N, C-alpha and C. Protein backbone atom coordinates (compact mmCIF):
# COMPACT_ATOMS: atom_id res chain seq x y z
N MET A 1 -2.85 -44.63 -10.40
CA MET A 1 -1.73 -45.10 -10.29
C MET A 1 -1.82 -46.10 -8.74
N SER A 2 -1.22 -47.33 -8.83
CA SER A 2 -1.59 -48.07 -7.80
C SER A 2 -0.42 -47.54 -6.66
N LYS A 3 -0.58 -48.14 -5.36
CA LYS A 3 0.45 -47.66 -4.34
C LYS A 3 1.64 -48.57 -4.99
N PHE A 4 1.51 -49.62 -5.31
CA PHE A 4 2.84 -50.50 -5.62
C PHE A 4 3.76 -49.79 -6.70
N ALA A 5 2.80 -49.32 -7.82
CA ALA A 5 3.46 -48.66 -8.92
C ALA A 5 4.12 -47.22 -8.34
N LEU A 6 3.36 -46.62 -7.38
CA LEU A 6 3.89 -45.34 -7.05
C LEU A 6 5.14 -45.52 -6.08
N GLY A 7 5.04 -46.58 -5.21
CA GLY A 7 6.17 -46.96 -4.36
C GLY A 7 7.37 -47.27 -5.14
N ARG A 8 6.91 -48.03 -6.29
CA ARG A 8 8.30 -48.50 -7.10
C ARG A 8 8.85 -47.48 -7.91
N ALA A 9 8.04 -46.47 -8.35
CA ALA A 9 8.59 -45.23 -8.96
C ALA A 9 9.27 -44.40 -8.02
N ILE A 10 9.05 -44.24 -6.82
CA ILE A 10 9.73 -43.45 -5.61
C ILE A 10 10.95 -44.15 -5.41
N GLU A 11 11.01 -45.58 -5.55
CA GLU A 11 12.34 -46.34 -5.24
C GLU A 11 13.25 -45.94 -6.26
N GLU A 12 12.71 -46.19 -7.59
CA GLU A 12 13.75 -45.90 -8.74
C GLU A 12 14.38 -44.39 -8.48
N PHE A 13 13.41 -43.51 -8.40
CA PHE A 13 13.73 -41.88 -8.29
C PHE A 13 14.76 -41.73 -7.32
N CYS A 14 14.50 -42.43 -6.07
CA CYS A 14 15.50 -42.36 -4.91
C CYS A 14 16.82 -43.10 -5.34
N GLU A 15 16.95 -44.32 -6.00
CA GLU A 15 18.07 -44.53 -6.54
C GLU A 15 18.78 -43.84 -7.44
N ASP A 16 18.07 -43.24 -8.28
CA ASP A 16 18.64 -42.44 -9.43
C ASP A 16 19.29 -41.27 -8.53
N LEU A 17 18.62 -40.63 -7.39
CA LEU A 17 19.20 -39.35 -6.61
C LEU A 17 20.49 -39.91 -6.01
N ALA A 18 20.29 -41.10 -5.42
CA ALA A 18 21.55 -41.68 -4.57
C ALA A 18 22.79 -41.51 -5.52
N ALA A 19 22.35 -42.34 -7.13
CA ALA A 19 23.49 -42.46 -7.84
C ALA A 19 24.19 -40.83 -8.21
N LYS A 20 23.34 -40.04 -8.06
CA LYS A 20 23.77 -38.76 -8.48
C LYS A 20 24.40 -38.09 -7.19
N ARG A 21 24.31 -38.62 -6.02
CA ARG A 21 24.60 -38.18 -4.62
C ARG A 21 24.08 -36.69 -4.41
N SER A 22 22.79 -36.82 -4.31
CA SER A 22 21.99 -35.70 -3.73
C SER A 22 21.42 -35.97 -2.46
N PRO A 23 22.09 -35.98 -1.25
CA PRO A 23 21.71 -36.33 -0.14
C PRO A 23 20.57 -35.50 0.64
N HIS A 24 20.52 -34.34 0.28
CA HIS A 24 19.42 -33.46 0.79
C HIS A 24 18.29 -33.92 0.18
N THR A 25 18.13 -34.11 -1.12
CA THR A 25 16.84 -34.23 -1.92
C THR A 25 16.34 -35.80 -1.35
N VAL A 26 17.34 -36.65 -1.28
CA VAL A 26 16.93 -37.88 -0.84
C VAL A 26 16.24 -37.79 0.37
N ARG A 27 16.83 -37.30 1.55
CA ARG A 27 16.49 -37.11 2.79
C ARG A 27 15.00 -36.50 2.78
N ALA A 28 14.78 -35.47 1.85
CA ALA A 28 13.52 -34.79 1.81
C ALA A 28 12.35 -35.83 1.43
N TYR A 29 12.69 -36.98 0.50
CA TYR A 29 11.80 -37.98 0.12
C TYR A 29 11.83 -38.90 1.15
N ARG A 30 12.68 -39.18 2.22
CA ARG A 30 12.77 -40.06 3.28
C ARG A 30 13.27 -41.61 2.72
N CYS A 31 14.05 -41.53 1.97
CA CYS A 31 14.44 -42.82 1.13
C CYS A 31 15.88 -43.29 1.87
């Protein structure tokens, strides 16, 4: 997986977590 693809996947993952309001997990991923 390219760095761009990985970064994009992490961004989407973090947006999903933010939508679910999981600040502890989002902080763990430094998003």
